[in-house]
Amino acid sequence: MAVRIRMMRMGRKNRPFYRIGAFDAHEERDGMAIENLGTYDPMESNNEKQVTLKRERVDYWLSVGAKPTETVASIFKKLGIAFKK
């Protein structure tokens, strides 16, 4: 099974909120996650509270070959999480 780390949109209209999770690559965007790894709130003014992650679980999924999407990869880069391209 190919696993992708990507975001699932939550929240209301004009107020996005995202859950970052490990998904089967063939699952739809808002489908069932294998595991929720954290959240991303782009409307949060405090940069430290904008992203919350379960760091050890993210490292686990990256170690077993899960690939992040471009958006999630840019979030990981800002947080200093290394992964293979």
PDB file of N, CA and C in Angstrom:
ATOM      1  N   MET A   1       0.844  -1.176   0.000  1.00  0.00           N
ATOM      2  CA  MET A   1       0.000   0.000   0.000  1.00  0.00           C
ATOM      3  C   MET A   1       0.894   1.245   0.000  1.00  0.00           C
ATOM      4  N   ALA A   2       0.646   2.155  -0.909  1.00  0.00           N
ATOM      5  CA  ALA A   2       1.382   3.415  -0.971  1.00  0.00           C
ATOM      6  C   ALA A   2       0.734   4.410  -0.010  1.00  0.00           C
ATOM      7  N   VAL A   3       1.559   5.017   0.824  1.00  0.00           N
ATOM      8  CA  VAL A   3       1.055   5.938   1.837  1.00  0.00           C
ATOM      9  C   VAL A   3       1.563   7.340   1.541  1.00  0.00           C
ATOM     10  N   ARG A   4       0.669   8.319   1.624  1.00  0.00           N
ATOM     11  CA  ARG A   4       1.003   9.725   1.444  1.00  0.00           C
ATOM     12  C   ARG A   4       0.672  10.469   2.729  1.00  0.00           C
ATOM     13  N   ILE A   5       1.498  11.429   3.080  1.00  0.00           N
ATOM     14  CA  ILE A   5       1.183  12.319   4.197  1.00  0.00           C
ATOM     15  C   ILE A   5       0.612  13.573   3.567  1.00  0.00           C
ATOM     16  N   ARG A   6      -0.657  13.844   3.847  1.00  0.00           N
ATOM     17  CA  ARG A   6      -1.319  14.997   3.232  1.00  0.00           C
ATOM     18  C   ARG A   6      -2.327  15.604   4.174  1.00  0.00           C
ATOM     19  N   MET A   7      -2.968  16.676   3.706  1.00  0.00           N
ATOM     20  CA  MET A   7      -3.896  17.412   4.549  1.00  0.00           C
ATOM     21  C   MET A   7      -5.341  17.097   4.177  1.00  0.00           C
ATOM     22  N   MET A   8      -6.196  17.088   5.208  1.00  0.00           N
ATOM     23  CA  MET A   8      -7.627  16.913   5.029  1.00  0.00           C
ATOM     24  C   MET A   8      -8.291  18.206   5.491  1.00  0.00           C
ATOM     25  N   ARG A   9      -9.079  18.811   4.611  1.00  0.00           N
ATOM     26  CA  ARG A   9      -9.694  20.095   4.939  1.00  0.00           C
ATOM     27  C   ARG A   9     -10.843  19.917   5.918  1.00  0.00           C
ATOM     28  N   MET A  10     -10.846  20.768   6.920  1.00  0.00           N
ATOM     29  CA  MET A  10     -11.911  20.822   7.908  1.00  0.00           C
ATOM     30  C   MET A  10     -12.342  22.289   7.997  1.00  0.00           C
ATOM     31  N   GLY A  11     -13.079  22.643   8.998  1.00  0.00           N
ATOM     32  CA  GLY A  11     -13.442  24.038   9.204  1.00  0.00           C
ATOM     33  C   GLY A  11     -14.678  24.423   8.421  1.00  0.00           C
ATOM     34  N   ARG A  12     -14.943  25.709   8.396  1.00  0.00           N
ATOM     35  CA  ARG A  12     -16.144  26.192   7.720  1.00  0.00           C
ATOM     36  C   ARG A  12     -15.759  27.023   6.495  1.00  0.00           C
ATOM     37  N   LYS A  13     -16.738  27.537   5.822  1.00  0.00           N
ATOM     38  CA  LYS A  13     -16.519  28.342   4.631  1.00  0.00           C
ATOM     39  C   LYS A  13     -15.694  29.584   4.987  1.00  0.00           C
ATOM     40  N   ASN A  14     -14.688  29.877   4.188  1.00  0.00           N
ATOM     41  CA  ASN A  14     -13.784  31.009   4.369  1.00  0.00           C
ATOM     42  C   ASN A  14     -12.988  30.958   5.673  1.00  0.00           C
ATOM     43  N   ARG A  15     -12.932  29.816   6.324  1.00  0.00           N
ATOM     44  CA  ARG A  15     -12.152  29.636   7.560  1.00  0.00           C
ATOM     45  C   ARG A  15     -11.551  28.235   7.551  1.00  0.00           C
ATOM     46  N   PRO A  16     -10.528  28.010   6.696  1.00  0.00           N
ATOM     47  CA  PRO A  16      -9.987  26.659   6.559  1.00  0.00           C
ATOM     48  C   PRO A  16      -9.214  26.213   7.788  1.00  0.00           C
ATOM     49  N   PHE A  17      -9.231  24.928   8.003  1.00  0.00           N
ATOM     50  CA  PHE A  17      -8.475  24.260   9.060  1.00  0.00           C
ATOM     51  C   PHE A  17      -8.146  22.885   8.506  1.00  0.00           C
ATOM     52  N   TYR A  18      -6.935  22.422   8.694  1.00  0.00           N
ATOM     53  CA  TYR A  18      -6.521  21.166   8.082  1.00  0.00           C
ATOM     54  C   TYR A  18      -5.996  20.192   9.127  1.00  0.00           C
ATOM     55  N   ARG A  19      -6.294  18.925   8.923  1.00  0.00           N
ATOM     56  CA  ARG A  19      -5.669  17.851   9.680  1.00  0.00           C
ATOM     57  C   ARG A  19      -4.612  17.230   8.785  1.00  0.00           C
ATOM     58  N   ILE A  20      -3.440  17.020   9.332  1.00  0.00           N
ATOM     59  CA  ILE A  20      -2.361  16.362   8.600  1.00  0.00           C
ATOM     60  C   ILE A  20      -2.400  14.900   8.998  1.00  0.00           C
ATOM     61  N   GLY A  21      -2.432  14.029   7.999  1.00  0.00           N
ATOM     62  CA  GLY A  21      -2.548  12.609   8.304  1.00  0.00           C
ATOM     63  C   GLY A  21      -1.852  11.728   7.292  1.00  0.00           C
ATOM     64  N   ALA A  22      -1.734  10.464   7.656  1.00  0.00           N
ATOM     65  CA  ALA A  22      -1.209   9.448   6.753  1.00  0.00           C
ATOM     66  C   ALA A  22      -2.403   8.796   6.052  1.00  0.00           C
ATOM     67  N   PHE A  23      -2.419   8.838   4.734  1.00  0.00           N
ATOM     68  CA  PHE A  23      -3.525   8.336   3.934  1.00  0.00           C
ATOM     69  C   PHE A  23      -3.030   7.309   2.928  1.00  0.00           C
ATOM     70  N   ASP A  24      -3.905   6.382   2.575  1.00  0.00           N
ATOM     71  CA  ASP A  24      -3.645   5.530   1.432  1.00  0.00           C
ATOM     72  C   ASP A  24      -3.625   6.441   0.208  1.00  0.00           C
ATOM     73  N   ALA A  25      -2.693   6.243  -0.695  1.00  0.00           N
ATOM     74  CA  ALA A  25      -2.538   7.126  -1.849  1.00  0.00           C
ATOM     75  C   ALA A  25      -3.782   7.154  -2.739  1.00  0.00           C
ATOM     76  N   HIS A  26      -4.597   6.110  -2.684  1.00  0.00           N
ATOM     77  CA  HIS A  26      -5.781   6.046  -3.539  1.00  0.00           C
ATOM     78  C   HIS A  26      -7.040   6.576  -2.848  1.00  0.00           C
ATOM     79  N   GLU A  27      -6.906   7.021  -1.608  1.00  0.00           N
ATOM     80  CA  GLU A  27      -8.040   7.554  -0.851  1.00  0.00           C
ATOM     81  C   GLU A  27      -8.310   8.992  -1.298  1.00  0.00           C
ATOM     82  N   GLU A  28      -9.580   9.413  -1.243  1.00  0.00           N
ATOM     83  CA  GLU A  28      -9.933  10.774  -1.627  1.00  0.00           C
ATOM     84  C   GLU A  28      -9.416  11.773  -0.600  1.00  0.00           C
ATOM     85  N   ARG A  29      -9.452  13.058  -0.952  1.00  0.00           N
ATOM     86  CA  ARG A  29      -8.859  14.098  -0.105  1.00  0.00           C
ATOM     87  C   ARG A  29      -9.431  14.103   1.307  1.00  0.00           C
ATOM     88  N   ASP A  30     -10.722  14.048   1.450  1.00  0.00           N
ATOM     89  CA  ASP A  30     -11.346  14.084   2.767  1.00  0.00           C
ATOM     90  C   ASP A  30     -11.769  12.693   3.227  1.00  0.00           C
ATOM     91  N   GLY A  31     -11.086  11.683   2.727  1.00  0.00           N
ATOM     92  CA  GLY A  31     -11.412  10.307   3.088  1.00  0.00           C
ATOM     93  C   GLY A  31     -10.846   9.917   4.445  1.00  0.00           C
ATOM     94  N   MET A  32     -10.890   8.621   4.712  1.00  0.00           N
ATOM     95  CA  MET A  32     -10.465   8.085   6.000  1.00  0.00           C
ATOM     96  C   MET A  32      -8.938   8.050   6.101  1.00  0.00           C
ATOM     97  N   ALA A  33      -8.425   8.610   7.168  1.00  0.00           N
ATOM     98  CA  ALA A  33      -6.982   8.614   7.401  1.00  0.00           C
ATOM     99  C   ALA A  33      -6.566   7.327   8.105  1.00  0.00           C
ATOM    100  N   ILE A  34      -5.365   6.854   7.792  1.00  0.00           N
ATOM    101  CA  ILE A  34      -4.801   5.724   8.521  1.00  0.00           C
ATOM    102  C   ILE A  34      -4.477   6.184   9.935  1.00  0.00           C
ATOM    103  N   GLU A  35      -3.879   7.386  10.030  1.00  0.00           N
ATOM    104  CA  GLU A  35      -3.536   7.956  11.331  1.00  0.00           C
ATOM    105  C   GLU A  35      -3.455   9.474  11.205  1.00  0.00           C
ATOM    106  N   ASN A  36      -4.017  10.189  12.178  1.00  0.00           N
ATOM    107  CA  ASN A  36      -3.898  11.640  12.218  1.00  0.00           C
ATOM    108  C   ASN A  36      -2.576  12.005  12.886  1.00  0.00           C
ATOM    109  N   LEU A  37      -1.815  12.875  12.214  1.00  0.00           N
ATOM    110  CA  LEU A  37      -0.480  13.221  12.690  1.00  0.00           C
ATOM    111  C   LEU A  37      -0.395  14.631  13.257  1.00  0.00           C
ATOM    112  N   GLY A  38      -1.381  15.467  13.025  1.00  0.00           N
ATOM    113  CA  GLY A  38      -1.340  16.824  13.552  1.00  0.00           C
ATOM    114  C   GLY A  38      -2.344  17.719  12.858  1.00  0.00           C
ATOM    115  N   THR A  39      -2.186  19.024  13.067  1.00  0.00           N
ATOM    116  CA  THR A  39      -3.109  20.001  12.488  1.00  0.00           C
ATOM    117  C   THR A  39      -2.324  21.171  11.906  1.00  0.00           C
ATOM    118  N   TYR A  40      -2.991  21.888  11.002  1.00  0.00           N
ATOM    119  CA  TYR A  40      -2.444  23.105  10.407  1.00  0.00           C
ATOM    120  C   TYR A  40      -3.571  24.111  10.308  1.00  0.00           C
ATOM    121  N   ASP A  41      -3.374  25.281  10.922  1.00  0.00           N
ATOM    122  CA  ASP A  41      -4.376  26.343  10.917  1.00  0.00           C
ATOM    123  C   ASP A  41      -3.764  27.577  10.267  1.00  0.00           C
ATOM    124  N   PRO A  42      -4.025  27.812   8.968  1.00  0.00           N
ATOM    125  CA  PRO A  42      -3.399  28.941   8.279  1.00  0.00           C
ATOM    126  C   PRO A  42      -3.904  30.300   8.751  1.00  0.00           C
ATOM    127  N   MET A  43      -5.037  30.357   9.446  1.00  0.00           N
ATOM    128  CA  MET A  43      -5.592  31.623   9.907  1.00  0.00           C
ATOM    129  C   MET A  43      -5.028  32.042  11.272  1.00  0.00           C
ATOM    130  N   GLU A  44      -4.299  31.173  11.926  1.00  0.00           N
ATOM    131  CA  GLU A  44      -3.722  31.474  13.238  1.00  0.00           C
ATOM    132  C   GLU A  44      -2.623  32.521  13.089  1.00  0.00           C
ATOM    133  N   SER A  45      -2.671  33.574  13.901  1.00  0.00           N
ATOM    134  CA  SER A  45      -1.692  34.659  13.795  1.00  0.00           C
ATOM    135  C   SER A  45      -0.360  34.296  14.455  1.00  0.00           C
ATOM    136  N   ASN A  46      -0.390  33.448  15.465  1.00  0.00           N
ATOM    137  CA  ASN A  46       0.827  33.023  16.153  1.00  0.00           C
ATOM    138  C   ASN A  46       1.452  31.861  15.373  1.00  0.00           C
ATOM    139  N   ASN A  47       2.652  32.068  14.833  1.00  0.00           N
ATOM    140  CA  ASN A  47       3.300  31.055  13.997  1.00  0.00           C
ATOM    141  C   ASN A  47       3.600  29.769  14.753  1.00  0.00           C
ATOM    142  N   GLU A  48       3.843  29.851  16.056  1.00  0.00           N
ATOM    143  CA  GLU A  48       4.146  28.651  16.826  1.00  0.00           C
ATOM    144  C   GLU A  48       2.919  27.761  16.999  1.00  0.00           C
ATOM    145  N   LYS A  49       1.727  28.349  17.023  1.00  0.00           N
ATOM    146  CA  LYS A  49       0.497  27.582  17.194  1.00  0.00           C
ATOM    147  C   LYS A  49      -0.128  27.171  15.865  1.00  0.00           C
ATOM    148  N   GLN A  50       0.446  27.647  14.761  1.00  0.00           N
ATOM    149  CA  GLN A  50      -0.124  27.375  13.439  1.00  0.00           C
ATOM    150  C   GLN A  50      -0.063  25.893  13.079  1.00  0.00           C
ATOM    151  N   VAL A  51       1.006  25.225  13.449  1.00  0.00           N
ATOM    152  CA  VAL A  51       1.182  23.806  13.135  1.00  0.00           C
ATOM    153  C   VAL A  51       1.437  23.037  14.419  1.00  0.00           C
ATOM    154  N   THR A  52       0.686  21.950  14.618  1.00  0.00           N
ATOM    155  CA  THR A  52       0.964  21.034  15.715  1.00  0.00           C
ATOM    156  C   THR A  52       1.138  19.652  15.108  1.00  0.00           C
ATOM    157  N   LEU A  53       2.191  18.958  15.497  1.00  0.00           N
ATOM    158  CA  LEU A  53       2.490  17.644  14.937  1.00  0.00           C
ATOM    159  C   LEU A  53       2.868  16.666  16.037  1.00  0.00           C
ATOM    160  N   LYS A  54       2.562  15.391  15.796  1.00  0.00           N
ATOM    161  CA  LYS A  54       3.083  14.296  16.610  1.00  0.00           C
ATOM    162  C   LYS A  54       4.405  13.907  15.954  1.00  0.00           C
ATOM    163  N   ARG A  55       5.469  14.510  16.413  1.00  0.00           N
ATOM    164  CA  ARG A  55       6.765  14.433  15.732  1.00  0.00           C
ATOM    165  C   ARG A  55       7.274  12.997  15.581  1.00  0.00           C
ATOM    166  N   GLU A  56       7.135  12.181  16.636  1.00  0.00           N
ATOM    167  CA  GLU A  56       7.654  10.810  16.558  1.00  0.00           C
ATOM    168  C   GLU A  56       6.863   9.966  15.558  1.00  0.00           C
ATOM    169  N   ARG A  57       5.567  10.211  15.423  1.00  0.00           N
ATOM    170  CA  ARG A  57       4.758   9.468  14.457  1.00  0.00           C
ATOM    171  C   ARG A  57       5.067   9.923  13.025  1.00  0.00           C
ATOM    172  N   VAL A  58       5.324  11.211  12.834  1.00  0.00           N
ATOM    173  CA  VAL A  58       5.726  11.704  11.508  1.00  0.00           C
ATOM    174  C   VAL A  58       7.044  11.056  11.104  1.00  0.00           C
ATOM    175  N   ASP A  59       7.992  11.004  12.026  1.00  0.00           N
ATOM    176  CA  ASP A  59       9.274  10.365  11.735  1.00  0.00           C
ATOM    177  C   ASP A  59       9.094   8.886  11.397  1.00  0.00           C
ATOM    178  N   TYR A  60       8.182   8.215  12.103  1.00  0.00           N
ATOM    179  CA  TYR A  60       7.915   6.802  11.810  1.00  0.00           C
ATOM    180  C   TYR A  60       7.392   6.635  10.388  1.00  0.00           C
ATOM    181  N   TRP A  61       6.382   7.412  10.011  1.00  0.00           N
ATOM    182  CA  TRP A  61       5.793   7.249   8.679  1.00  0.00           C
ATOM    183  C   TRP A  61       6.796   7.589   7.583  1.00  0.00           C
ATOM    184  N   LEU A  62       7.626   8.588   7.808  1.00  0.00           N
ATOM    185  CA  LEU A  62       8.662   8.906   6.822  1.00  0.00           C
ATOM    186  C   LEU A  62       9.689   7.789   6.729  1.00  0.00           C
ATOM    187  N   SER A  63       9.981   7.131   7.851  1.00  0.00           N
ATOM    188  CA  SER A  63      10.978   6.053   7.840  1.00  0.00           C
ATOM    189  C   SER A  63      10.485   4.804   7.116  1.00  0.00           C
ATOM    190  N   VAL A  64       9.162   4.582   7.090  1.00  0.00           N
ATOM    191  CA  VAL A  64       8.641   3.401   6.402  1.00  0.00           C
ATOM    192  C   VAL A  64       8.271   3.696   4.952  1.00  0.00           C
ATOM    193  N   GLY A  65       8.571   4.925   4.480  1.00  0.00           N
ATOM    194  CA  GLY A  65       8.414   5.212   3.056  1.00  0.00           C
ATOM    195  C   GLY A  65       7.237   6.068   2.657  1.00  0.00           C
ATOM    196  N   ALA A  66       6.521   6.649   3.609  1.00  0.00           N
ATOM    197  CA  ALA A  66       5.416   7.540   3.254  1.00  0.00           C
ATOM    198  C   ALA A  66       5.985   8.812   2.636  1.00  0.00           C
ATOM    199  N   LYS A  67       5.328   9.298   1.585  1.00  0.00           N
ATOM    200  CA  LYS A  67       5.800  10.492   0.899  1.00  0.00           C
ATOM    201  C   LYS A  67       4.847  11.655   1.183  1.00  0.00           C
ATOM    202  N   PRO A  68       5.370  12.807   1.604  1.00  0.00           N
ATOM    203  CA  PRO A  68       4.507  13.965   1.829  1.00  0.00           C
ATOM    204  C   PRO A  68       4.155  14.655   0.512  1.00  0.00           C
ATOM    205  N   THR A  69       2.990  15.294   0.482  1.00  0.00           N
ATOM    206  CA  THR A  69       2.621  16.107  -0.672  1.00  0.00           C
ATOM    207  C   THR A  69       3.485  17.361  -0.669  1.00  0.00           C
ATOM    208  N   GLU A  70       3.418  18.152  -1.732  1.00  0.00           N
ATOM    209  CA  GLU A  70       4.247  19.356  -1.824  1.00  0.00           C
ATOM    210  C   GLU A  70       3.965  20.325  -0.694  1.00  0.00           C
ATOM    211  N   THR A  71       2.695  20.523  -0.365  1.00  0.00           N
ATOM    212  CA  THR A  71       2.326  21.461   0.690  1.00  0.00           C
ATOM    213  C   THR A  71       2.818  20.985   2.043  1.00  0.00           C
ATOM    214  N   VAL A  72       2.627  19.724   2.331  1.00  0.00           N
ATOM    215  CA  VAL A  72       3.083  19.167   3.604  1.00  0.00           C
ATOM    216  C   VAL A  72       4.607  19.174   3.656  1.00  0.00           C
ATOM    217  N   ALA A  73       5.262  18.927   2.532  1.00  0.00           N
ATOM    218  CA  ALA A  73       6.722  18.960   2.489  1.00  0.00           C
ATOM    219  C   ALA A  73       7.238  20.363   2.821  1.00  0.00           C
ATOM    220  N   SER A  74       6.564  21.403   2.352  1.00  0.00           N
ATOM    221  CA  SER A  74       6.992  22.768   2.671  1.00  0.00           C
ATOM    222  C   SER A  74       6.795  23.072   4.155  1.00  0.00           C
ATOM    223  N   ILE A  75       5.739  22.526   4.763  1.00  0.00           N
ATOM    224  CA  ILE A  75       5.523  22.690   6.203  1.00  0.00           C
ATOM    225  C   ILE A  75       6.625  21.976   6.969  1.00  0.00           C
ATOM    226  N   PHE A  76       6.958  20.758   6.547  1.00  0.00           N
ATOM    227  CA  PHE A  76       8.030  20.008   7.199  1.00  0.00           C
ATOM    228  C   PHE A  76       9.362  20.746   7.081  1.00  0.00           C
ATOM    229  N   LYS A  77       9.607  21.353   5.931  1.00  0.00           N
ATOM    230  CA  LYS A  77      10.860  22.081   5.714  1.00  0.00           C
ATOM    231  C   LYS A  77      10.959  23.265   6.670  1.00  0.00           C
ATOM    232  N   LYS A  78       9.849  23.979   6.885  1.00  0.00           N
ATOM    233  CA  LYS A  78       9.842  25.103   7.817  1.00  0.00           C
ATOM    234  C   LYS A  78      10.113  24.649   9.249  1.00  0.00           C
ATOM    235  N   LEU A  79       9.648  23.436   9.587  1.00  0.00           N
ATOM    236  CA  LEU A  79       9.834  22.910  10.937  1.00  0.00           C
ATOM    237  C   LEU A  79      11.151  22.156  11.113  1.00  0.00           C
ATOM    238  N   GLY A  80      11.867  21.957  10.013  1.00  0.00           N
ATOM    239  CA  GLY A  80      13.165  21.295  10.086  1.00  0.00           C
ATOM    240  C   GLY A  80      13.081  19.788  10.118  1.00  0.00           C
ATOM    241  N   ILE A  81      12.006  19.220   9.574  1.00  0.00           N
ATOM    242  CA  ILE A  81      11.859  17.766   9.500  1.00  0.00           C
ATOM    243  C   ILE A  81      12.452  17.303   8.178  1.00  0.00           C
ATOM    244  N   ALA A  82      13.454  16.426   8.256  1.00  0.00           N
ATOM    245  CA  ALA A  82      14.138  15.950   7.056  1.00  0.00           C
ATOM    246  C   ALA A  82      13.441  14.712   6.500  1.00  0.00           C
ATOM    247  N   PHE A  83      13.382  14.602   5.186  1.00  0.00           N
ATOM    248  CA  PHE A  83      12.814  13.441   4.511  1.00  0.00           C
ATOM    249  C   PHE A  83      13.476  13.287   3.157  1.00  0.00           C
ATOM    250  N   LYS A  84      13.416  12.062   2.631  1.00  0.00           N
ATOM    251  CA  LYS A  84      14.000  11.779   1.310  1.00  0.00           C
ATOM    252  C   LYS A  84      13.015  12.183   0.228  1.00  0.00           C
ATOM    253  N   LYS A  85      13.546  12.779  -0.836  1.00  0.00           N
ATOM    254  CA  LYS A  85      12.683  13.174  -1.943  1.00  0.00           C
ATOM    255  C   LYS A  85      12.547  12.057  -2.929  1.00  0.00           C
TER     256      LYS A  85
END
